[in-house]
Protein backbone atom coordinates (compact mmCIF):
# COMPACT_ATOMS: atom_id res chain seq x y z
CA UNK A 1 -14.44 -2.82 -11.88
CA UNK A 2 -14.47 -4.31 -8.43
CA UNK A 3 -11.28 -5.70 -6.96
CA UNK A 4 -10.48 -8.68 -4.80
CA UNK A 5 -10.06 -8.09 -1.08
CA UNK A 6 -6.89 -9.73 0.10
CA UNK A 7 -3.83 -9.11 2.21
CA UNK A 8 -0.52 -7.59 1.18
CA UNK A 9 1.96 -10.43 0.63
CA UNK A 10 4.67 -8.55 2.52
CA UNK A 11 3.02 -6.86 5.54
CA UNK A 12 -0.37 -8.59 5.67
CA UNK A 13 -2.37 -5.31 5.57
CA UNK A 14 -5.77 -5.53 3.94
CA UNK A 15 -5.82 -4.32 0.31
CA UNK A 16 -8.10 -4.40 -2.71
CA UNK A 17 -6.30 -5.91 -5.68
CA UNK A 18 -7.47 -5.11 -9.19
CA UNK A 19 -4.96 -7.18 -11.12
CA UNK A 20 -7.58 -7.76 -13.81
CA UNK A 21 -7.77 -3.98 -14.33
CA UNK A 22 -4.26 -2.90 -13.32
CA UNK A 23 -4.67 0.66 -14.63
CA UNK A 24 -7.38 1.33 -12.03
CA UNK A 25 -5.61 -0.56 -9.25
CA UNK A 26 -4.29 1.57 -6.39
CA UNK A 27 -0.77 0.16 -6.88
CA UNK A 28 -0.54 1.76 -10.33
CA UNK A 29 -0.14 5.10 -8.52
CA UNK A 30 3.30 4.03 -7.28
CA UNK A 31 6.19 4.55 -9.68
CA UNK A 32 8.95 1.98 -9.22
CA UNK A 33 12.31 1.65 -10.92
CA UNK A 34 13.03 -0.96 -13.57
CA UNK A 35 15.42 -2.59 -11.08
CA UNK A 36 12.56 -2.93 -8.58
CA UNK A 37 10.29 -4.41 -11.24
CA UNK A 38 13.06 -6.92 -12.08
CA UNK A 39 13.50 -7.76 -8.38
CA UNK A 40 9.75 -8.26 -7.87
CA UNK A 41 9.64 -10.73 -10.77
CA UNK A 42 12.02 -12.95 -8.78
CA UNK A 43 9.83 -12.94 -5.67
CA UNK A 44 6.95 -15.00 -4.44
CA UNK A 45 4.91 -11.88 -3.69
CA UNK A 46 1.40 -11.60 -5.04
CA UNK A 47 -0.16 -8.16 -4.54
CA UNK A 48 1.64 -5.57 -2.41
CA UNK A 49 0.20 -2.51 -0.69
CA UNK A 50 1.45 0.88 -1.79
CA UNK A 51 3.54 1.27 1.36
CA UNK A 52 5.35 -2.01 0.71
CA UNK A 53 5.84 -1.18 -2.98
CA UNK A 54 7.46 2.10 -1.95
CA UNK A 55 9.63 0.42 0.70
CA UNK A 56 10.81 -2.31 -1.68
CA UNK A 57 11.60 0.31 -4.34
CA UNK A 58 13.64 2.28 -1.82
CA UNK A 59 15.55 -0.82 -0.68
CA UNK A 60 16.28 -1.98 -4.24
CA UNK A 61 17.54 1.45 -5.21
CA UNK A 62 19.66 1.67 -2.04
CA UNK A 63 21.09 -1.77 -2.80
CA UNK A 64 22.58 -0.34 -5.99
CA UNK A 65 24.53 2.42 -4.25
CA UNK A 66 25.41 1.02 -0.81
CA UNK A 67 28.47 -1.15 -0.22
CA UNK A 68 27.96 -4.90 -0.25
CA UNK A 69 30.54 -5.74 2.41
CA UNK A 70 28.89 -6.95 5.61
CA UNK A 71 28.23 -4.05 7.96
CA UNK A 72 26.41 -4.56 11.23
CA UNK A 73 23.16 -2.62 11.28
CA UNK A 74 23.06 -2.35 7.51
CA UNK A 75 23.45 -5.92 6.30
CA UNK A 76 22.85 -7.82 9.53
CA UNK A 77 21.97 -7.43 13.18
CA UNK A 78 22.97 -9.61 16.09
CA UNK A 79 20.02 -11.27 17.82
CA UNK A 80 20.62 -13.75 20.64
CA UNK A 81 24.20 -14.21 19.41
CA UNK A 82 22.96 -15.06 15.90
CA UNK A 83 23.42 -13.13 12.66
CA UNK A 84 20.08 -11.96 11.28
CA UNK A 85 20.47 -10.69 7.74
CA UNK A 86 18.51 -7.59 6.73
CA UNK A 87 16.20 -7.31 3.76
CA UNK A 88 18.81 -5.09 2.10
CA UNK A 89 21.39 -7.86 2.42
CA UNK A 90 19.05 -10.33 0.75
CA UNK A 91 18.32 -7.92 -2.11
CA UNK A 92 22.03 -7.34 -2.67
CA UNK A 93 22.57 -11.13 -2.72
CA UNK A 94 20.18 -11.28 -5.67
CA UNK A 95 18.33 -14.50 -4.89
CA UNK A 96 16.49 -16.34 -2.12
CA UNK A 97 18.77 -18.73 -0.27
CA UNK A 98 15.83 -20.91 0.84
CA UNK A 99 16.78 -20.79 4.53
CA UNK A 100 13.44 -19.34 5.74
CA UNK A 101 15.17 -16.09 6.70
CA UNK A 102 13.38 -13.71 9.03
CA UNK A 103 13.82 -10.79 6.60
CA UNK A 104 13.46 -12.63 3.31
CA UNK A 105 13.22 -10.09 0.47
CA UNK A 106 11.66 -12.64 -1.86
CA UNK A 107 8.39 -13.41 -0.09
CA UNK A 108 9.16 -17.02 0.74
CA UNK A 109 8.81 -16.55 4.49
CA UNK A 110 5.40 -16.99 5.99
CA UNK A 111 3.99 -13.65 7.07
CA UNK A 112 4.63 -13.14 10.76
CA UNK A 113 2.73 -10.41 12.58
CA UNK A 114 4.95 -7.35 12.56
């Protein structure tokens, strides 16, 4: 079955999505944790490339074992004297705050060329 050409919702790379035949879709090759599947259900992401699926799975799993207290470089970085929260910080928060964050982990930020 042919898939739909589209872009990854997270990184904007070109992908072929076969959501109508998920067992033959390239993304079915990536094994993710139940916690990652639960996280992805809360997002606005459509189809993700395998690289992004792997990265999100890694971040979600790290979020379970890393401390939640704010640590520079881990939970935020300073940019032009402003706090910029990391994707890990957003995952540990557990929900989208709706502030159009640069590193939104929930797919609600418009894709900016990375």
